Amino acid sequence: MAKGKDARVKVILECNSCVRKSVNKESRGVSRYITQKNRHNTPNRLEFKKFCPYCYKHTIHGEIKK
């Protein structure tokens, strides 16, 4: 049986400060995390404070498009 649109979807969280630095070529890379969210309960974009190994501190990670 095929399922329709699932409520749970995978989302990618990307470091906001690394994205800004990558334009200046100061950063070695961009920190990304993969998580899940419930599409019905959380229709807007997620933002979490997570550890970035490139910045060596906790920064805001926001949801990006796939």
PDB file of N, CA and C in Angstrom:
ATOM      1  N   MET A   1       0.828  -1.167   0.000  1.00  0.00           N
ATOM      2  CA  MET A   1       0.000   0.000   0.000  1.00  0.00           C
ATOM      3  C   MET A   1       0.887   1.249   0.000  1.00  0.00           C
ATOM      4  N   ALA A   2       0.645   2.143  -0.908  1.00  0.00           N
ATOM      5  CA  ALA A   2       1.445   3.360  -0.986  1.00  0.00           C
ATOM      6  C   ALA A   2       0.941   4.389   0.008  1.00  0.00           C
ATOM      7  N   LYS A   3       1.873   5.020   0.669  1.00  0.00           N
ATOM      8  CA  LYS A   3       1.504   6.068   1.612  1.00  0.00           C
ATOM      9  C   LYS A   3       1.492   7.399   0.896  1.00  0.00           C
ATOM     10  N   GLY A   4       0.616   8.277   1.314  1.00  0.00           N
ATOM     11  CA  GLY A   4       0.543   9.612   0.732  1.00  0.00           C
ATOM     12  C   GLY A   4       1.606  10.499   1.326  1.00  0.00           C
ATOM     13  N   LYS A   5       1.264  11.724   1.585  1.00  0.00           N
ATOM     14  CA  LYS A   5       2.217  12.655   2.187  1.00  0.00           C
ATOM     15  C   LYS A   5       2.372  12.319   3.663  1.00  0.00           C
ATOM     16  N   ASP A   6       3.576  11.963   4.049  1.00  0.00           N
ATOM     17  CA  ASP A   6       3.841  11.645   5.450  1.00  0.00           C
ATOM     18  C   ASP A   6       3.908  12.924   6.265  1.00  0.00           C
ATOM     19  N   ALA A   7       3.555  12.811   7.541  1.00  0.00           N
ATOM     20  CA  ALA A   7       3.627  13.955   8.431  1.00  0.00           C
ATOM     21  C   ALA A   7       5.066  14.264   8.804  1.00  0.00           C
ATOM     22  N   ARG A   8       5.898  13.211   8.909  1.00  0.00           N
ATOM     23  CA  ARG A   8       7.302  13.398   9.288  1.00  0.00           C
ATOM     24  C   ARG A   8       8.158  13.511   8.042  1.00  0.00           C
ATOM     25  N   VAL A   9       8.955  14.572   7.980  1.00  0.00           N
ATOM     26  CA  VAL A   9       9.855  14.778   6.851  1.00  0.00           C
ATOM     27  C   VAL A   9      11.263  15.034   7.378  1.00  0.00           C
ATOM     28  N   LYS A  10      12.278  14.658   6.595  1.00  0.00           N
ATOM     29  CA  LYS A  10      13.666  14.929   6.966  1.00  0.00           C
ATOM     30  C   LYS A  10      14.010  16.356   6.557  1.00  0.00           C
ATOM     31  N   VAL A  11      14.708  17.058   7.441  1.00  0.00           N
ATOM     32  CA  VAL A  11      15.151  18.418   7.158  1.00  0.00           C
ATOM     33  C   VAL A  11      16.643  18.525   7.443  1.00  0.00           C
ATOM     34  N   ILE A  12      17.299  19.465   6.777  1.00  0.00           N
ATOM     35  CA  ILE A  12      18.731  19.702   6.957  1.00  0.00           C
ATOM     36  C   ILE A  12      18.893  21.045   7.655  1.00  0.00           C
ATOM     37  N   LEU A  13      19.658  21.044   8.750  1.00  0.00           N
ATOM     38  CA  LEU A  13      19.964  22.265   9.483  1.00  0.00           C
ATOM     39  C   LEU A  13      21.386  22.677   9.158  1.00  0.00           C
ATOM     40  N   GLU A  14      21.583  23.947   8.799  1.00  0.00           N
ATOM     41  CA  GLU A  14      22.895  24.436   8.396  1.00  0.00           C
ATOM     42  C   GLU A  14      23.284  25.627   9.268  1.00  0.00           C
ATOM     43  N   CYS A  15      24.570  25.705   9.621  1.00  0.00           N
ATOM     44  CA  CYS A  15      25.077  26.773  10.481  1.00  0.00           C
ATOM     45  C   CYS A  15      24.950  28.118   9.768  1.00  0.00           C
ATOM     46  N   ASN A  16      24.327  29.095  10.432  1.00  0.00           N
ATOM     47  CA  ASN A  16      24.138  30.414   9.821  1.00  0.00           C
ATOM     48  C   ASN A  16      25.427  31.221   9.772  1.00  0.00           C
ATOM     49  N   SER A  17      26.288  31.095  10.770  1.00  0.00           N
ATOM     50  CA  SER A  17      27.512  31.888  10.775  1.00  0.00           C
ATOM     51  C   SER A  17      28.541  31.347   9.789  1.00  0.00           C
ATOM     52  N   CYS A  18      28.600  30.031   9.571  1.00  0.00           N
ATOM     53  CA  CYS A  18      29.531  29.461   8.590  1.00  0.00           C
ATOM     54  C   CYS A  18      29.141  29.850   7.172  1.00  0.00           C
ATOM     55  N   VAL A  19      27.849  29.967   6.913  1.00  0.00           N
ATOM     56  CA  VAL A  19      27.384  30.335   5.578  1.00  0.00           C
ATOM     57  C   VAL A  19      27.866  31.736   5.241  1.00  0.00           C
ATOM     58  N   ARG A  20      27.809  32.643   6.197  1.00  0.00           N
ATOM     59  CA  ARG A  20      28.261  34.022   5.958  1.00  0.00           C
ATOM     60  C   ARG A  20      29.773  34.072   5.768  1.00  0.00           C
ATOM     61  N   LYS A  21      30.524  33.264   6.538  1.00  0.00           N
ATOM     62  CA  LYS A  21      31.982  33.270   6.446  1.00  0.00           C
ATOM     63  C   LYS A  21      32.480  32.621   5.166  1.00  0.00           C
ATOM     64  N   SER A  22      31.716  31.650   4.616  1.00  0.00           N
ATOM     65  CA  SER A  22      32.185  30.920   3.443  1.00  0.00           C
ATOM     66  C   SER A  22      32.287  31.830   2.221  1.00  0.00           C
ATOM     67  N   VAL A  23      31.577  32.949   2.228  1.00  0.00           N
ATOM     68  CA  VAL A  23      31.693  33.905   1.129  1.00  0.00           C
ATOM     69  C   VAL A  23      33.082  34.536   1.141  1.00  0.00           C
ATOM     70  N   ASN A  24      33.637  34.776   2.349  1.00  0.00           N
ATOM     71  CA  ASN A  24      34.965  35.370   2.476  1.00  0.00           C
ATOM     72  C   ASN A  24      36.081  34.323   2.448  1.00  0.00           C
ATOM     73  N   LYS A  25      35.734  33.045   2.339  1.00  0.00           N
ATOM     74  CA  LYS A  25      36.690  31.925   2.311  1.00  0.00           C
ATOM     75  C   LYS A  25      37.488  31.795   3.606  1.00  0.00           C
ATOM     76  N   GLU A  26      36.907  32.246   4.730  1.00  0.00           N
ATOM     77  CA  GLU A  26      37.578  32.118   6.018  1.00  0.00           C
ATOM     78  C   GLU A  26      37.334  30.751   6.644  1.00  0.00           C
ATOM     79  N   SER A  27      36.205  30.134   6.370  1.00  0.00           N
ATOM     80  CA  SER A  27      35.827  28.885   7.006  1.00  0.00           C
ATOM     81  C   SER A  27      36.274  27.690   6.168  1.00  0.00           C
ATOM     82  N   ARG A  28      36.550  26.565   6.835  1.00  0.00           N
ATOM     83  CA  ARG A  28      36.947  25.341   6.136  1.00  0.00           C
ATOM     84  C   ARG A  28      35.744  24.629   5.542  1.00  0.00           C
ATOM     85  N   GLY A  29      34.574  24.819   6.115  1.00  0.00           N
ATOM     86  CA  GLY A  29      33.389  24.113   5.645  1.00  0.00           C
ATOM     87  C   GLY A  29      32.136  24.666   6.296  1.00  0.00           C
ATOM     88  N   VAL A  30      31.031  23.951   6.108  1.00  0.00           N
ATOM     89  CA  VAL A  30      29.747  24.355   6.664  1.00  0.00           C
ATOM     90  C   VAL A  30      29.201  23.192   7.480  1.00  0.00           C
ATOM     91  N   SER A  31      28.810  23.478   8.715  1.00  0.00           N
ATOM     92  CA  SER A  31      28.266  22.463   9.601  1.00  0.00           C
ATOM     93  C   SER A  31      26.811  22.183   9.231  1.00  0.00           C
ATOM     94  N   ARG A  32      26.462  20.896   9.091  1.00  0.00           N
ATOM     95  CA  ARG A  32      25.096  20.512   8.769  1.00  0.00           C
ATOM     96  C   ARG A  32      24.651  19.360   9.663  1.00  0.00           C
ATOM     97  N   TYR A  33      23.389  19.388  10.072  1.00  0.00           N
ATOM     98  CA  TYR A  33      22.758  18.330  10.841  1.00  0.00           C
ATOM     99  C   TYR A  33      21.511  17.887  10.094  1.00  0.00           C
ATOM    100  N   ILE A  34      21.149  16.603  10.204  1.00  0.00           N
ATOM    101  CA  ILE A  34      19.920  16.079   9.620  1.00  0.00           C
ATOM    102  C   ILE A  34      19.001  15.674  10.765  1.00  0.00           C
ATOM    103  N   THR A  35      17.743  16.102  10.694  1.00  0.00           N
ATOM    104  CA  THR A  35      16.763  15.771  11.717  1.00  0.00           C
ATOM    105  C   THR A  35      15.414  15.593  11.052  1.00  0.00           C
ATOM    106  N   GLN A  36      14.393  15.324  11.848  1.00  0.00           N
ATOM    107  CA  GLN A  36      13.036  15.172  11.341  1.00  0.00           C
ATOM    108  C   GLN A  36      12.127  16.178  12.014  1.00  0.00           C
ATOM    109  N   LYS A  37      11.060  16.561  11.296  1.00  0.00           N
ATOM    110  CA  LYS A  37      10.049  17.411  11.902  1.00  0.00           C
ATOM    111  C   LYS A  37       8.682  16.960  11.430  1.00  0.00           C
ATOM    112  N   ASN A  38       7.681  17.272  12.213  1.00  0.00           N
ATOM    113  CA  ASN A  38       6.309  16.981  11.850  1.00  0.00           C
ATOM    114  C   ASN A  38       5.781  18.158  11.044  1.00  0.00           C
ATOM    115  N   ARG A  39       5.448  17.904   9.800  1.00  0.00           N
ATOM    116  CA  ARG A  39       5.026  18.966   8.879  1.00  0.00           C
ATOM    117  C   ARG A  39       3.743  19.651   9.344  1.00  0.00           C
ATOM    118  N   HIS A  40       2.833  18.893   9.967  1.00  0.00           N
ATOM    119  CA  HIS A  40       1.549  19.458  10.385  1.00  0.00           C
ATOM    120  C   HIS A  40       1.685  20.327  11.631  1.00  0.00           C
ATOM    121  N   ASN A  41       2.536  19.929  12.580  1.00  0.00           N
ATOM    122  CA  ASN A  41       2.698  20.691  13.819  1.00  0.00           C
ATOM    123  C   ASN A  41       3.650  21.867  13.668  1.00  0.00           C
ATOM    124  N   THR A  42       4.628  21.767  12.755  1.00  0.00           N
ATOM    125  CA  THR A  42       5.647  22.799  12.580  1.00  0.00           C
ATOM    126  C   THR A  42       5.746  23.169  11.104  1.00  0.00           C
ATOM    127  N   PRO A  43       4.839  24.010  10.602  1.00  0.00           N
ATOM    128  CA  PRO A  43       4.879  24.349   9.174  1.00  0.00           C
ATOM    129  C   PRO A  43       6.009  25.315   8.804  1.00  0.00           C
ATOM    130  N   ASN A  44       6.461  26.138   9.751  1.00  0.00           N
ATOM    131  CA  ASN A  44       7.530  27.100   9.433  1.00  0.00           C
ATOM    132  C   ASN A  44       8.898  26.460   9.634  1.00  0.00           C
ATOM    133  N   ARG A  45       9.944  27.177   9.276  1.00  0.00           N
ATOM    134  CA  ARG A  45      11.305  26.634   9.315  1.00  0.00           C
ATOM    135  C   ARG A  45      11.829  26.514  10.742  1.00  0.00           C
ATOM    136  N   LEU A  46      12.613  25.457  10.974  1.00  0.00           N
ATOM    137  CA  LEU A  46      13.200  25.203  12.286  1.00  0.00           C
ATOM    138  C   LEU A  46      14.497  25.985  12.460  1.00  0.00           C
ATOM    139  N   GLU A  47      14.787  26.330  13.705  1.00  0.00           N
ATOM    140  CA  GLU A  47      16.079  26.910  14.077  1.00  0.00           C
ATOM    141  C   GLU A  47      16.454  26.359  15.437  1.00  0.00           C
ATOM    142  N   PHE A  48      17.637  25.756  15.523  1.00  0.00           N
ATOM    143  CA  PHE A  48      18.148  25.221  16.774  1.00  0.00           C
ATOM    144  C   PHE A  48      19.537  25.762  17.022  1.00  0.00           C
ATOM    145  N   LYS A  49      19.900  25.834  18.299  1.00  0.00           N
ATOM    146  CA  LYS A  49      21.256  26.206  18.666  1.00  0.00           C
ATOM    147  C   LYS A  49      22.035  24.912  18.853  1.00  0.00           C
ATOM    148  N   LYS A  50      22.993  24.646  17.951  1.00  0.00           N
ATOM    149  CA  LYS A  50      23.753  23.406  17.963  1.00  0.00           C
ATOM    150  C   LYS A  50      25.245  23.729  17.862  1.00  0.00           C
ATOM    151  N   PHE A  51      26.068  22.724  18.170  1.00  0.00           N
ATOM    152  CA  PHE A  51      27.511  22.928  18.133  1.00  0.00           C
ATOM    153  C   PHE A  51      28.021  22.855  16.703  1.00  0.00           C
ATOM    154  N   CYS A  52      28.849  23.827  16.321  1.00  0.00           N
ATOM    155  CA  CYS A  52      29.471  23.861  15.004  1.00  0.00           C
ATOM    156  C   CYS A  52      30.955  23.531  15.166  1.00  0.00           C
ATOM    157  N   PRO A  53      31.435  22.427  14.591  1.00  0.00           N
ATOM    158  CA  PRO A  53      32.846  22.072  14.738  1.00  0.00           C
ATOM    159  C   PRO A  53      33.785  23.001  13.975  1.00  0.00           C
ATOM    160  N   TYR A  54      33.284  23.771  13.023  1.00  0.00           N
ATOM    161  CA  TYR A  54      34.131  24.694  12.270  1.00  0.00           C
ATOM    162  C   TYR A  54      34.283  26.034  12.989  1.00  0.00           C
ATOM    163  N   CYS A  55      33.233  26.474  13.694  1.00  0.00           N
ATOM    164  CA  CYS A  55      33.299  27.720  14.475  1.00  0.00           C
ATOM    165  C   CYS A  55      33.801  27.457  15.896  1.00  0.00           C
ATOM    166  N   TYR A  56      33.781  26.214  16.334  1.00  0.00           N
ATOM    167  CA  TYR A  56      34.148  25.795  17.694  1.00  0.00           C
ATOM    168  C   TYR A  56      33.286  26.457  18.761  1.00  0.00           C
ATOM    169  N   LYS A  57      31.982  26.617  18.470  1.00  0.00           N
ATOM    170  CA  LYS A  57      31.047  27.153  19.462  1.00  0.00           C
ATOM    171  C   LYS A  57      29.616  26.795  19.062  1.00  0.00           C
ATOM    172  N   HIS A  58      28.679  27.034  19.970  1.00  0.00           N
ATOM    173  CA  HIS A  58      27.270  26.792  19.686  1.00  0.00           C
ATOM    174  C   HIS A  58      26.726  27.973  18.888  1.00  0.00           C
ATOM    175  N   THR A  59      26.130  27.674  17.738  1.00  0.00           N
ATOM    176  CA  THR A  59      25.577  28.710  16.867  1.00  0.00           C
ATOM    177  C   THR A  59      24.167  28.297  16.431  1.00  0.00           C
ATOM    178  N   ILE A  60      23.458  29.238  15.832  1.00  0.00           N
ATOM    179  CA  ILE A  60      22.117  28.973  15.318  1.00  0.00           C
ATOM    180  C   ILE A  60      22.231  28.189  14.017  1.00  0.00           C
ATOM    181  N   HIS A  61      21.531  27.071  13.948  1.00  0.00           N
ATOM    182  CA  HIS A  61      21.446  26.257  12.737  1.00  0.00           C
ATOM    183  C   HIS A  61      20.024  26.354  12.218  1.00  0.00           C
ATOM    184  N   GLY A  62      19.842  26.807  10.991  1.00  0.00           N
ATOM    185  CA  GLY A  62      18.526  26.971  10.413  1.00  0.00           C
ATOM    186  C   GLY A  62      18.238  25.945   9.338  1.00  0.00           C
ATOM    187  N   GLU A  63      16.976  25.718   9.098  1.00  0.00           N
ATOM    188  CA  GLU A  63      16.545  24.738   8.089  1.00  0.00           C
ATOM    189  C   GLU A  63      16.796  25.296   6.693  1.00  0.00           C
ATOM    190  N   ILE A  64      17.289  24.436   5.795  1.00  0.00           N
ATOM    191  CA  ILE A  64      17.498  24.834   4.408  1.00  0.00           C
ATOM    192  C   ILE A  64      16.661  23.948   3.503  1.00  0.00           C
ATOM    193  N   LYS A  65      16.489  24.369   2.258  1.00  0.00           N
ATOM    194  CA  LYS A  65      15.773  23.560   1.275  1.00  0.00           C
ATOM    195  C   LYS A  65      16.649  22.431   0.793  1.00  0.00           C
ATOM    196  N   LYS A  66      16.039  21.331   0.383  1.00  0.00           N
ATOM    197  CA  LYS A  66      16.776  20.186  -0.143  1.00  0.00           C
ATOM    198  C   LYS A  66      17.139  20.422  -1.583  1.00  0.00           C
TER     199      LYS A  66
END
